């Protein structure tokens, strides 16, 4: 974009007369080079924006496909409820009583120095 010397309006490159006031636009080589560089920068940023949008759309599409596959194609998981089991034959009603003797539980220790 080339600024107009009379009103300051930004005009596209190649414009001979200002689009706002109608004055003839004079541009030197440095202004043209800066305008071309800024146009290239704008185009590059638009490309990145379009790529980001494309990636976002693809990601959303894949998410929708995954959800459809999950709920439409994959069968539901079985319930986590386990039916009650009769534990009668496995666990006796009364446990046997065990009396622990202190002597039997502790090993006999012989003094090593007494001979």
PDB file of N, CA and C in Angstrom:
ATOM      1  N   UNK A   1       0.842  -1.166   0.000  1.00  0.00           N
ATOM      2  CA  UNK A   1       0.000   0.000   0.000  1.00  0.00           C
ATOM      3  C   UNK A   1       0.898   1.245   0.000  1.00  0.00           C
ATOM      4  N   UNK A   2       0.516   2.180  -0.802  1.00  0.00           N
ATOM      5  CA  UNK A   2       1.250   3.439  -0.941  1.00  0.00           C
ATOM      6  C   UNK A   2       0.384   4.550  -0.337  1.00  0.00           C
ATOM      7  N   UNK A   3       0.962   5.325   0.601  1.00  0.00           N
ATOM      8  CA  UNK A   3       0.158   6.403   1.185  1.00  0.00           C
ATOM      9  C   UNK A   3       0.076   7.611   0.236  1.00  0.00           C
ATOM     10  N   UNK A   4      -1.081   8.251   0.258  1.00  0.00           N
ATOM     11  CA  UNK A   4      -1.284   9.474  -0.524  1.00  0.00           C
ATOM     12  C   UNK A   4      -0.559  10.626   0.193  1.00  0.00           C
ATOM     13  N   UNK A   5       0.111  11.505  -0.585  1.00  0.00           N
ATOM     14  CA  UNK A   5       0.819  12.629   0.028  1.00  0.00           C
ATOM     15  C   UNK A   5      -0.154  13.707   0.494  1.00  0.00           C
ATOM     16  N   UNK A   6      -1.333  13.769  -0.075  1.00  0.00           N
ATOM     17  CA  UNK A   6      -2.286  14.827   0.280  1.00  0.00           C
ATOM     18  C   UNK A   6      -3.139  14.442   1.496  1.00  0.00           C
ATOM     19  N   UNK A   7      -3.745  13.242   1.474  1.00  0.00           N
ATOM     20  CA  UNK A   7      -4.685  12.894   2.547  1.00  0.00           C
ATOM     21  C   UNK A   7      -4.196  11.758   3.447  1.00  0.00           C
ATOM     22  N   UNK A   8      -3.162  10.996   3.034  1.00  0.00           N
ATOM     23  CA  UNK A   8      -2.633   9.911   3.866  1.00  0.00           C
ATOM     24  C   UNK A   8      -3.356   8.582   3.678  1.00  0.00           C
ATOM     25  N   UNK A   9      -4.295   8.512   2.744  1.00  0.00           N
ATOM     26  CA  UNK A   9      -5.032   7.275   2.492  1.00  0.00           C
ATOM     27  C   UNK A   9      -4.083   6.221   1.916  1.00  0.00           C
ATOM     28  N   UNK A  10      -4.237   4.966   2.330  1.00  0.00           N
ATOM     29  CA  UNK A  10      -3.403   3.878   1.824  1.00  0.00           C
ATOM     30  C   UNK A  10      -4.016   3.354   0.521  1.00  0.00           C
ATOM     31  N   UNK A  11      -3.261   3.457  -0.561  1.00  0.00           N
ATOM     32  CA  UNK A  11      -3.710   3.027  -1.879  1.00  0.00           C
ATOM     33  C   UNK A  11      -2.911   1.803  -2.306  1.00  0.00           C
ATOM     34  N   UNK A  12      -3.524   0.888  -3.087  1.00  0.00           N
ATOM     35  CA  UNK A  12      -2.794  -0.288  -3.566  1.00  0.00           C
ATOM     36  C   UNK A  12      -1.642   0.117  -4.490  1.00  0.00           C
ATOM     37  N   UNK A  13      -0.682  -0.786  -4.621  1.00  0.00           N
ATOM     38  CA  UNK A  13       0.461  -0.548  -5.511  1.00  0.00           C
ATOM     39  C   UNK A  13      -0.058  -0.451  -6.947  1.00  0.00           C
ATOM     40  N   UNK A  14       0.456   0.486  -7.703  1.00  0.00           N
ATOM     41  CA  UNK A  14       0.049   0.673  -9.089  1.00  0.00           C
ATOM     42  C   UNK A  14      -1.058   1.702  -9.260  1.00  0.00           C
ATOM     43  N   UNK A  15      -1.574   2.226  -8.183  1.00  0.00           N
ATOM     44  CA  UNK A  15      -2.624   3.241  -8.284  1.00  0.00           C
ATOM     45  C   UNK A  15      -1.983   4.560  -8.693  1.00  0.00           C
ATOM     46  N   UNK A  16      -2.546   5.232  -9.675  1.00  0.00           N
ATOM     47  CA  UNK A  16      -1.997   6.512 -10.129  1.00  0.00           C
ATOM     48  C   UNK A  16      -2.628   7.675  -9.395  1.00  0.00           C
ATOM     49  N   UNK A  17      -3.899   7.530  -9.013  1.00  0.00           N
ATOM     50  CA  UNK A  17      -4.609   8.622  -8.325  1.00  0.00           C
ATOM     51  C   UNK A  17      -5.186   8.070  -7.031  1.00  0.00           C
ATOM     52  N   UNK A  18      -5.206   8.899  -6.011  1.00  0.00           N
ATOM     53  CA  UNK A  18      -5.713   8.503  -4.699  1.00  0.00           C
ATOM     54  C   UNK A  18      -7.196   8.139  -4.797  1.00  0.00           C
ATOM     55  N   UNK A  19      -7.571   7.086  -4.112  1.00  0.00           N
ATOM     56  CA  UNK A  19      -8.963   6.630  -4.161  1.00  0.00           C
ATOM     57  C   UNK A  19      -9.871   7.459  -3.265  1.00  0.00           C
ATOM     58  N   UNK A  20      -9.297   8.268  -2.374  1.00  0.00           N
ATOM     59  CA  UNK A  20     -10.130   9.104  -1.510  1.00  0.00           C
ATOM     60  C   UNK A  20     -10.236  10.532  -2.053  1.00  0.00           C
ATOM     61  N   UNK A  21      -9.084  11.164  -2.304  1.00  0.00           N
ATOM     62  CA  UNK A  21      -9.133  12.586  -2.672  1.00  0.00           C
ATOM     63  C   UNK A  21      -8.925  12.835  -4.167  1.00  0.00           C
ATOM     64  N   UNK A  22      -8.392  11.871  -4.910  1.00  0.00           N
ATOM     65  CA  UNK A  22      -8.224  12.045  -6.349  1.00  0.00           C
ATOM     66  C   UNK A  22      -6.908  12.677  -6.754  1.00  0.00           C
ATOM     67  N   UNK A  23      -6.051  12.998  -5.817  1.00  0.00           N
ATOM     68  CA  UNK A  23      -4.740  13.586  -6.147  1.00  0.00           C
ATOM     69  C   UNK A  23      -3.846  12.515  -6.775  1.00  0.00           C
ATOM     70  N   UNK A  24      -2.888  12.965  -7.575  1.00  0.00           N
ATOM     71  CA  UNK A  24      -1.943  12.044  -8.183  1.00  0.00           C
ATOM     72  C   UNK A  24      -0.990  11.529  -7.089  1.00  0.00           C
ATOM     73  N   UNK A  25      -0.795  10.209  -7.071  1.00  0.00           N
ATOM     74  CA  UNK A  25       0.051   9.573  -6.054  1.00  0.00           C
ATOM     75  C   UNK A  25       1.462   9.465  -6.613  1.00  0.00           C
ATOM     76  N   UNK A  26       2.418  10.017  -5.862  1.00  0.00           N
ATOM     77  CA  UNK A  26       3.825   9.933  -6.231  1.00  0.00           C
ATOM     78  C   UNK A  26       4.482   8.962  -5.251  1.00  0.00           C
ATOM     79  N   UNK A  27       5.205   7.980  -5.790  1.00  0.00           N
ATOM     80  CA  UNK A  27       5.877   7.001  -4.939  1.00  0.00           C
ATOM     81  C   UNK A  27       7.301   6.818  -5.432  1.00  0.00           C
ATOM     82  N   UNK A  28       8.229   6.756  -4.490  1.00  0.00           N
ATOM     83  CA  UNK A  28       9.602   6.481  -4.871  1.00  0.00           C
ATOM     84  C   UNK A  28       9.858   4.973  -4.721  1.00  0.00           C
ATOM     85  N   UNK A  29      11.041   4.549  -5.083  1.00  0.00           N
ATOM     86  CA  UNK A  29      11.370   3.130  -5.123  1.00  0.00           C
ATOM     87  C   UNK A  29      11.326   2.514  -3.721  1.00  0.00           C
ATOM     88  N   UNK A  30      11.758   3.215  -2.708  1.00  0.00           N
ATOM     89  CA  UNK A  30      11.775   2.686  -1.342  1.00  0.00           C
ATOM     90  C   UNK A  30      10.343   2.427  -0.857  1.00  0.00           C
ATOM     91  N   UNK A  31       9.408   3.321  -1.138  1.00  0.00           N
ATOM     92  CA  UNK A  31       8.020   3.114  -0.736  1.00  0.00           C
ATOM     93  C   UNK A  31       7.425   1.893  -1.434  1.00  0.00           C
ATOM     94  N   UNK A  32       7.757   1.739  -2.713  1.00  0.00           N
ATOM     95  CA  UNK A  32       7.242   0.586  -3.459  1.00  0.00           C
ATOM     96  C   UNK A  32       7.802  -0.712  -2.880  1.00  0.00           C
ATOM     97  N   UNK A  33       9.093  -0.753  -2.564  1.00  0.00           N
ATOM     98  CA  UNK A  33       9.715  -1.951  -2.002  1.00  0.00           C
ATOM     99  C   UNK A  33       9.111  -2.292  -0.634  1.00  0.00           C
ATOM    100  N   UNK A  34       8.869  -1.264   0.215  1.00  0.00           N
ATOM    101  CA  UNK A  34       8.232  -1.501   1.513  1.00  0.00           C
ATOM    102  C   UNK A  34       6.804  -2.022   1.333  1.00  0.00           C
ATOM    103  N   UNK A  35       6.094  -1.484   0.345  1.00  0.00           N
ATOM    104  CA  UNK A  35       4.724  -1.938   0.084  1.00  0.00           C
ATOM    105  C   UNK A  35       4.714  -3.392  -0.393  1.00  0.00           C
ATOM    106  N   UNK A  36       5.653  -3.756  -1.245  1.00  0.00           N
ATOM    107  CA  UNK A  36       5.733  -5.137  -1.722  1.00  0.00           C
ATOM    108  C   UNK A  36       6.066  -6.076  -0.563  1.00  0.00           C
ATOM    109  N   UNK A  37       6.996  -5.671   0.298  1.00  0.00           N
ATOM    110  CA  UNK A  37       7.381  -6.498   1.448  1.00  0.00           C
ATOM    111  C   UNK A  37       6.200  -6.692   2.403  1.00  0.00           C
ATOM    112  N   UNK A  38       5.466  -5.637   2.683  1.00  0.00           N
ATOM    113  CA  UNK A  38       4.319  -5.766   3.593  1.00  0.00           C
ATOM    114  C   UNK A  38       3.220  -6.627   2.970  1.00  0.00           C
ATOM    115  N   UNK A  39       3.052  -6.540   1.640  1.00  0.00           N
ATOM    116  CA  UNK A  39       2.069  -7.393   0.960  1.00  0.00           C
ATOM    117  C   UNK A  39       2.483  -8.855   1.052  1.00  0.00           C
ATOM    118  N   UNK A  40       3.764  -9.129   0.866  1.00  0.00           N
ATOM    119  CA  UNK A  40       4.262 -10.506   0.994  1.00  0.00           C
ATOM    120  C   UNK A  40       4.069 -11.028   2.411  1.00  0.00           C
ATOM    121  N   UNK A  41       4.325 -10.177   3.406  1.00  0.00           N
ATOM    122  CA  UNK A  41       4.128 -10.580   4.802  1.00  0.00           C
ATOM    123  C   UNK A  41       2.658 -10.877   5.094  1.00  0.00           C
ATOM    124  N   UNK A  42       1.781 -10.059   4.543  1.00  0.00           N
ATOM    125  CA  UNK A  42       0.340 -10.288   4.724  1.00  0.00           C
ATOM    126  C   UNK A  42      -0.091 -11.611   4.092  1.00  0.00           C
ATOM    127  N   UNK A  43       0.420 -11.895   2.912  1.00  0.00           N
ATOM    128  CA  UNK A  43       0.078 -13.151   2.245  1.00  0.00           C
ATOM    129  C   UNK A  43       0.590 -14.358   3.025  1.00  0.00           C
ATOM    130  N   UNK A  44       1.802 -14.244   3.577  1.00  0.00           N
ATOM    131  CA  UNK A  44       2.355 -15.348   4.365  1.00  0.00           C
ATOM    132  C   UNK A  44       1.528 -15.589   5.624  1.00  0.00           C
ATOM    133  N   UNK A  45       1.112 -14.517   6.290  1.00  0.00           N
ATOM    134  CA  UNK A  45       0.307 -14.695   7.500  1.00  0.00           C
ATOM    135  C   UNK A  45      -1.073 -15.256   7.167  1.00  0.00           C
ATOM    136  N   UNK A  46      -1.621 -14.906   6.017  1.00  0.00           N
ATOM    137  CA  UNK A  46      -2.913 -15.481   5.593  1.00  0.00           C
ATOM    138  C   UNK A  46      -2.782 -16.970   5.323  1.00  0.00           C
ATOM    139  N   UNK A  47      -1.648 -17.373   4.716  1.00  0.00           N
ATOM    140  CA  UNK A  47      -1.441 -18.797   4.463  1.00  0.00           C
ATOM    141  C   UNK A  47      -1.390 -19.579   5.772  1.00  0.00           C
ATOM    142  N   UNK A  48      -0.691 -19.039   6.777  1.00  0.00           N
ATOM    143  CA  UNK A  48      -0.613 -19.717   8.081  1.00  0.00           C
ATOM    144  C   UNK A  48      -1.988 -19.784   8.734  1.00  0.00           C
ATOM    145  N   UNK A  49      -2.763 -18.722   8.588  1.00  0.00           N
ATOM    146  CA  UNK A  49      -4.112 -18.710   9.138  1.00  0.00           C
ATOM    147  C   UNK A  49      -4.984 -19.769   8.466  1.00  0.00           C
ATOM    148  N   UNK A  50      -4.865 -19.875   7.143  1.00  0.00           N
ATOM    149  CA  UNK A  50      -5.640 -20.881   6.419  1.00  0.00           C
ATOM    150  C   UNK A  50      -5.205 -22.290   6.812  1.00  0.00           C
ATOM    151  N   UNK A  51      -3.906 -22.496   7.014  1.00  0.00           N
ATOM    152  CA  UNK A  51      -3.426 -23.820   7.447  1.00  0.00           C
ATOM    153  C   UNK A  51      -3.949 -24.152   8.835  1.00  0.00           C
ATOM    154  N   UNK A  52      -3.970 -23.175   9.710  1.00  0.00           N
ATOM    155  CA  UNK A  52      -4.500 -23.404  11.054  1.00  0.00           C
ATOM    156  C   UNK A  52      -5.981 -23.743  11.020  1.00  0.00           C
ATOM    157  N   UNK A  53      -6.723 -23.041  10.185  1.00  0.00           N
ATOM    158  CA  UNK A  53      -8.147 -23.352  10.051  1.00  0.00           C
ATOM    159  C   UNK A  53      -8.338 -24.758   9.503  1.00  0.00           C
ATOM    160  N   UNK A  54      -7.533 -25.121   8.522  1.00  0.00           N
ATOM    161  CA  UNK A  54      -7.641 -26.458   7.937  1.00  0.00           C
ATOM    162  C   UNK A  54      -7.339 -27.525   8.988  1.00  0.00           C
ATOM    163  N   UNK A  55      -6.310 -27.316   9.773  1.00  0.00           N
ATOM    164  CA  UNK A  55      -5.965 -28.280  10.819  1.00  0.00           C
ATOM    165  C   UNK A  55      -7.081 -28.381  11.849  1.00  0.00           C
ATOM    166  N   UNK A  56      -7.684 -27.265  12.187  1.00  0.00           N
ATOM    167  CA  UNK A  56      -8.781 -27.268  13.146  1.00  0.00           C
ATOM    168  C   UNK A  56      -9.994 -28.007  12.589  1.00  0.00           C
ATOM    169  N   UNK A  57     -10.304 -27.786  11.340  1.00  0.00           N
ATOM    170  CA  UNK A  57     -11.443 -28.466  10.713  1.00  0.00           C
ATOM    171  C   UNK A  57     -11.184 -29.966  10.623  1.00  0.00           C
ATOM    172  N   UNK A  58      -9.978 -30.347  10.247  1.00  0.00           N
ATOM    173  CA  UNK A  58      -9.636 -31.768  10.166  1.00  0.00           C
ATOM    174  C   UNK A  58      -9.714 -32.412  11.544  1.00  0.00           C
ATOM    175  N   UNK A  59      -9.216 -31.724  12.563  1.00  0.00           N
ATOM    176  CA  UNK A  59      -9.292 -32.253  13.924  1.00  0.00           C
ATOM    177  C   UNK A  59     -10.721 -32.427  14.396  1.00  0.00           C
ATOM    178  N   UNK A  60     -11.572 -31.456  14.112  1.00  0.00           N
ATOM    179  CA  UNK A  60     -12.983 -31.563  14.498  1.00  0.00           C
ATOM    180  C   UNK A  60     -13.655 -32.711  13.748  1.00  0.00           C
ATOM    181  N   UNK A  61     -13.340 -32.878  12.468  1.00  0.00           N
ATOM    182  CA  UNK A  61     -13.902 -33.979  11.682  1.00  0.00           C
ATOM    183  C   UNK A  61     -13.481 -35.328  12.258  1.00  0.00           C
ATOM    184  N   UNK A  62     -12.215 -35.473  12.614  1.00  0.00           N
ATOM    185  CA  UNK A  62     -11.735 -36.729  13.191  1.00  0.00           C
ATOM    186  C   UNK A  62     -12.377 -37.010  14.541  1.00  0.00           C
ATOM    187  N   UNK A  63     -12.601 -35.974  15.324  1.00  0.00           N
ATOM    188  CA  UNK A  63     -13.271 -36.151  16.611  1.00  0.00           C
ATOM    189  C   UNK A  63     -14.699 -36.635  16.422  1.00  0.00           C
ATOM    190  N   UNK A  64     -15.409 -36.047  15.482  1.00  0.00           N
ATOM    191  CA  UNK A  64     -16.791 -36.474  15.212  1.00  0.00           C
ATOM    192  C   UNK A  64     -16.798 -37.916  14.708  1.00  0.00           C
ATOM    193  N   UNK A  65     -15.866 -38.255  13.819  1.00  0.00           N
ATOM    194  CA  UNK A  65     -15.791 -39.637  13.324  1.00  0.00           C
ATOM    195  C   UNK A  65     -15.515 -40.615  14.463  1.00  0.00           C
ATOM    196  N   UNK A  66     -14.611 -40.265  15.369  1.00  0.00           N
ATOM    197  CA  UNK A  66     -14.303 -41.136  16.493  1.00  0.00           C
ATOM    198  C   UNK A  66     -15.518 -41.322  17.395  1.00  0.00           C
ATOM    199  N   UNK A  67     -16.258 -40.257  17.639  1.00  0.00           N
ATOM    200  CA  UNK A  67     -17.450 -40.371  18.482  1.00  0.00           C
ATOM    201  C   UNK A  67     -18.525 -41.217  17.809  1.00  0.00           C
ATOM    202  N   UNK A  68     -18.701 -41.053  16.512  1.00  0.00           N
ATOM    203  CA  UNK A  68     -19.687 -41.860  15.794  1.00  0.00           C
ATOM    204  C   UNK A  68     -19.283 -43.329  15.837  1.00  0.00           C
ATOM    205  N   UNK A  69     -18.015 -43.611  15.600  1.00  0.00           N
ATOM    206  CA  UNK A  69     -17.553 -44.990  15.665  1.00  0.00           C
ATOM    207  C   UNK A  69     -17.713 -45.573  17.062  1.00  0.00           C
ATOM    208  N   UNK A  70     -17.438 -44.771  18.060  1.00  0.00           N
ATOM    209  CA  UNK A  70     -17.527 -45.256  19.443  1.00  0.00           C
ATOM    210  C   UNK A  70     -18.943 -45.631  19.805  1.00  0.00           C
ATOM    211  N   UNK A  71     -19.910 -44.823  19.446  1.00  0.00           N
ATOM    212  CA  UNK A  71     -21.278 -45.064  19.891  1.00  0.00           C
ATOM    213  C   UNK A  71     -22.121 -45.839  18.875  1.00  0.00           C
ATOM    214  N   UNK A  72     -21.736 -45.873  17.615  1.00  0.00           N
ATOM    215  CA  UNK A  72     -22.554 -46.554  16.621  1.00  0.00           C
ATOM    216  C   UNK A  72     -22.006 -47.927  16.250  1.00  0.00           C
ATOM    217  N   UNK A  73     -20.704 -48.078  16.197  1.00  0.00           N
ATOM    218  CA  UNK A  73     -20.118 -49.311  15.696  1.00  0.00           C
ATOM    219  C   UNK A  73     -19.666 -50.235  16.829  1.00  0.00           C
ATOM    220  N   UNK A  74     -19.014 -49.709  17.820  1.00  0.00           N
ATOM    221  CA  UNK A  74     -18.468 -50.520  18.907  1.00  0.00           C
ATOM    222  C   UNK A  74     -19.607 -50.939  19.828  1.00  0.00           C
ATOM    223  N   UNK A  75     -19.695 -52.242  20.154  1.00  0.00           N
ATOM    224  CA  UNK A  75     -20.778 -52.672  21.048  1.00  0.00           C
ATOM    225  C   UNK A  75     -20.569 -52.124  22.455  1.00  0.00           C
ATOM    226  N   UNK A  76     -21.645 -51.976  23.199  1.00  0.00           N
ATOM    227  CA  UNK A  76     -21.495 -51.454  24.558  1.00  0.00           C
ATOM    228  C   UNK A  76     -20.785 -52.464  25.456  1.00  0.00           C
ATOM    229  N   UNK A  77     -20.088 -51.958  26.424  1.00  0.00           N
ATOM    230  CA  UNK A  77     -19.372 -52.797  27.386  1.00  0.00           C
ATOM    231  C   UNK A  77     -20.385 -53.503  28.281  1.00  0.00           C
ATOM    232  N   UNK A  78     -20.068 -54.712  28.736  1.00  0.00           N
ATOM    233  CA  UNK A  78     -20.987 -55.382  29.659  1.00  0.00           C
ATOM    234  C   UNK A  78     -21.025 -54.646  30.987  1.00  0.00           C
ATOM    235  N   UNK A  79     -22.098 -54.877  31.724  1.00  0.00           N
ATOM    236  CA  UNK A  79     -22.235 -54.163  32.992  1.00  0.00           C
ATOM    237  C   UNK A  79     -21.191 -54.651  33.985  1.00  0.00           C
ATOM    238  N   UNK A  80     -20.818 -53.812  34.894  1.00  0.00           N
ATOM    239  CA  UNK A  80     -19.795 -54.137  35.882  1.00  0.00           C
ATOM    240  C   UNK A  80     -20.385 -54.831  37.104  1.00  0.00           C
ATOM    241  N   UNK A  81     -21.681 -55.007  37.134  1.00  0.00           N
ATOM    242  CA  UNK A  81     -22.306 -55.651  38.279  1.00  0.00           C
ATOM    243  C   UNK A  81     -22.047 -57.151  38.224  1.00  0.00           C
ATOM    244  N   UNK A  82     -21.531 -57.704  39.326  1.00  0.00           N
ATOM    245  CA  UNK A  82     -21.251 -59.123  39.434  1.00  0.00           C
ATOM    246  C   UNK A  82     -22.392 -59.756  40.219  1.00  0.00           C
ATOM    247  N   UNK A  83     -22.951 -60.850  39.737  1.00  0.00           N
ATOM    248  CA  UNK A  83     -24.044 -61.467  40.488  1.00  0.00           C
ATOM    249  C   UNK A  83     -23.530 -62.043  41.805  1.00  0.00           C
ATOM    250  N   UNK A  84     -24.349 -62.043  42.842  1.00  0.00           N
ATOM    251  CA  UNK A  84     -23.897 -62.581  44.127  1.00  0.00           C
ATOM    252  C   UNK A  84     -23.641 -64.087  44.035  1.00  0.00           C
ATOM    253  N   UNK A  85     -22.619 -64.544  44.761  1.00  0.00           N
ATOM    254  CA  UNK A  85     -22.229 -65.951  44.768  1.00  0.00           C
ATOM    255  C   UNK A  85     -22.427 -66.495  46.174  1.00  0.00           C
ATOM    256  N   UNK A  86     -22.969 -67.706  46.273  1.00  0.00           N
ATOM    257  CA  UNK A  86     -23.126 -68.357  47.568  1.00  0.00           C
ATOM    258  C   UNK A  86     -21.755 -68.861  48.003  1.00  0.00           C
ATOM    259  N   UNK A  87     -21.229 -68.346  49.096  1.00  0.00           N
ATOM    260  CA  UNK A  87     -19.892 -68.693  49.561  1.00  0.00           C
ATOM    261  C   UNK A  87     -19.913 -69.851  50.542  1.00  0.00           C
ATOM    262  N   UNK A  88     -21.037 -70.521  50.715  1.00  0.00           N
ATOM    263  CA  UNK A  88     -21.179 -71.608  51.683  1.00  0.00           C
ATOM    264  C   UNK A  88     -20.145 -72.705  51.546  1.00  0.00           C
ATOM    265  N   UNK A  89     -19.977 -73.318  50.374  1.00  0.00           N
ATOM    266  CA  UNK A  89     -19.031 -74.428  50.310  1.00  0.00           C
ATOM    267  C   UNK A  89     -17.565 -73.972  50.349  1.00  0.00           C
ATOM    268  N   UNK A  90     -17.310 -72.696  50.092  1.00  0.00           N
ATOM    269  CA  UNK A  90     -15.928 -72.227  50.044  1.00  0.00           C
ATOM    270  C   UNK A  90     -15.418 -71.737  51.397  1.00  0.00           C
ATOM    271  N   UNK A  91     -16.262 -71.105  52.164  1.00  0.00           N
ATOM    272  CA  UNK A  91     -15.858 -70.559  53.459  1.00  0.00           C
ATOM    273  C   UNK A  91     -16.706 -71.243  54.528  1.00  0.00           C
ATOM    274  N   UNK A  92     -16.056 -71.903  55.483  1.00  0.00           N
ATOM    275  CA  UNK A  92     -16.837 -72.554  56.550  1.00  0.00           C
ATOM    276  C   UNK A  92     -17.503 -71.512  57.440  1.00  0.00           C
ATOM    277  N   UNK A  93     -18.590 -71.908  58.053  1.00  0.00           N
ATOM    278  CA  UNK A  93     -19.321 -70.989  58.919  1.00  0.00           C
ATOM    279  C   UNK A  93     -18.499 -70.614  60.138  1.00  0.00           C
ATOM    280  N   UNK A  94     -17.725 -71.598  60.672  1.00  0.00           N
ATOM    281  CA  UNK A  94     -16.926 -71.336  61.862  1.00  0.00           C
ATOM    282  C   UNK A  94     -15.487 -71.725  61.566  1.00  0.00           C
ATOM    283  N   UNK A  95     -14.575 -70.821  61.837  1.00  0.00           N
ATOM    284  CA  UNK A  95     -13.161 -71.105  61.607  1.00  0.00           C
ATOM    285  C   UNK A  95     -12.606 -71.877  62.797  1.00  0.00           C
ATOM    286  N   UNK A  96     -11.694 -72.798  62.548  1.00  0.00           N
ATOM    287  CA  UNK A  96     -11.098 -73.534  63.682  1.00  0.00           C
ATOM    288  C   UNK A  96     -10.240 -72.597  64.527  1.00  0.00           C
ATOM    289  N   UNK A  97     -10.253 -72.852  65.845  1.00  0.00           N
ATOM    290  CA  UNK A  97      -9.471 -72.022  66.766  1.00  0.00           C
ATOM    291  C   UNK A  97      -8.080 -72.606  66.889  1.00  0.00           C
ATOM    292  N   UNK A  98      -7.109 -71.763  66.735  1.00  0.00           N
ATOM    293  CA  UNK A  98      -5.716 -72.178  66.810  1.00  0.00           C
ATOM    294  C   UNK A  98      -5.089 -71.470  67.993  1.00  0.00           C
ATOM    295  N   UNK A  99      -4.525 -72.271  68.901  1.00  0.00           N
ATOM    296  CA  UNK A  99      -3.830 -71.681  70.043  1.00  0.00           C
ATOM    297  C   UNK A  99      -2.342 -71.692  69.741  1.00  0.00           C
ATOM    298  N   UNK A 100      -1.782 -70.546  69.790  1.00  0.00           N
ATOM    299  CA  UNK A 100      -0.359 -70.435  69.491  1.00  0.00           C
ATOM    300  C   UNK A 100       0.415 -70.521  70.780  1.00  0.00           C
ATOM    301  N   UNK A 101       1.380 -71.393  70.824  1.00  0.00           N
ATOM    302  CA  UNK A 101       2.253 -71.517  71.986  1.00  0.00           C
ATOM    303  C   UNK A 101       3.462 -70.624  71.775  1.00  0.00           C
ATOM    304  N   UNK A 102       3.840 -69.943  72.831  1.00  0.00           N
ATOM    305  CA  UNK A 102       4.973 -69.026  72.733  1.00  0.00           C
ATOM    306  C   UNK A 102       6.257 -69.788  72.498  1.00  0.00           C
ATOM    307  N   UNK A 103       6.407 -70.954  73.035  1.00  0.00           N
ATOM    308  CA  UNK A 103       7.635 -71.732  72.872  1.00  0.00           C
ATOM    309  C   UNK A 103       7.751 -72.265  71.447  1.00  0.00           C
ATOM    310  N   UNK A 104       6.641 -72.685  70.913  1.00  0.00           N
ATOM    311  CA  UNK A 104       6.693 -73.247  69.565  1.00  0.00           C
ATOM    312  C   UNK A 104       6.918 -72.153  68.523  1.00  0.00           C
ATOM    313  N   UNK A 105       6.429 -70.989  68.820  1.00  0.00           N
ATOM    314  CA  UNK A 105       6.576 -69.901  67.872  1.00  0.00           C
ATOM    315  C   UNK A 105       7.983 -69.333  67.867  1.00  0.00           C
ATOM    316  N   UNK A 106       8.625 -69.251  69.044  1.00  0.00           N
ATOM    317  CA  UNK A 106       9.977 -68.691  69.141  1.00  0.00           C
ATOM    318  C   UNK A 106      10.988 -69.815  69.061  1.00  0.00           C
ATOM    319  N   UNK A 107      11.994 -69.722  68.198  1.00  0.00           N
ATOM    320  CA  UNK A 107      13.007 -70.782  68.116  1.00  0.00           C
ATOM    321  C   UNK A 107      13.916 -70.766  69.343  1.00  0.00           C
ATOM    322  N   UNK A 108      14.402 -71.903  69.682  1.00  0.00           N
ATOM    323  CA  UNK A 108      15.294 -72.017  70.852  1.00  0.00           C
ATOM    324  C   UNK A 108      16.658 -71.459  70.504  1.00  0.00           C
ATOM    325  N   UNK A 109      17.168 -70.568  71.341  1.00  0.00           N
ATOM    326  CA  UNK A 109      18.456 -69.942  71.116  1.00  0.00           C
ATOM    327  C   UNK A 109      19.420 -70.467  72.176  1.00  0.00           C
ATOM    328  N   UNK A 110      20.522 -71.034  71.725  1.00  0.00           N
ATOM    329  CA  UNK A 110      21.540 -71.556  72.658  1.00  0.00           C
ATOM    330  C   UNK A 110      22.652 -70.546  72.745  1.00  0.00           C
ATOM    331  N   UNK A 111      23.115 -70.286  73.971  1.00  0.00           N
ATOM    332  CA  UNK A 111      24.240 -69.361  74.089  1.00  0.00           C
ATOM    333  C   UNK A 111      25.499 -69.949  73.448  1.00  0.00           C
ATOM    334  N   UNK A 112      26.193 -69.192  72.706  1.00  0.00           N
ATOM    335  CA  UNK A 112      27.375 -69.651  71.991  1.00  0.00           C
ATOM    336  C   UNK A 112      28.582 -69.779  72.901  1.00  0.00           C
ATOM    337  N   UNK A 113      28.691 -69.056  74.013  1.00  0.00           N
ATOM    338  CA  UNK A 113      29.856 -69.062  74.863  1.00  0.00           C
ATOM    339  C   UNK A 113      29.774 -70.127  75.958  1.00  0.00           C
ATOM    340  N   UNK A 114      28.617 -70.576  76.284  1.00  0.00           N
ATOM    341  CA  UNK A 114      28.476 -71.558  77.387  1.00  0.00           C
ATOM    342  C   UNK A 114      28.748 -72.950  76.861  1.00  0.00           C
ATOM    343  N   UNK A 115      29.899 -73.566  77.356  1.00  0.00           N
ATOM    344  CA  UNK A 115      30.256 -74.919  76.996  1.00  0.00           C
ATOM    345  C   UNK A 115      30.667 -75.670  78.168  1.00  0.00           C
TER     346      UNK A 115
END
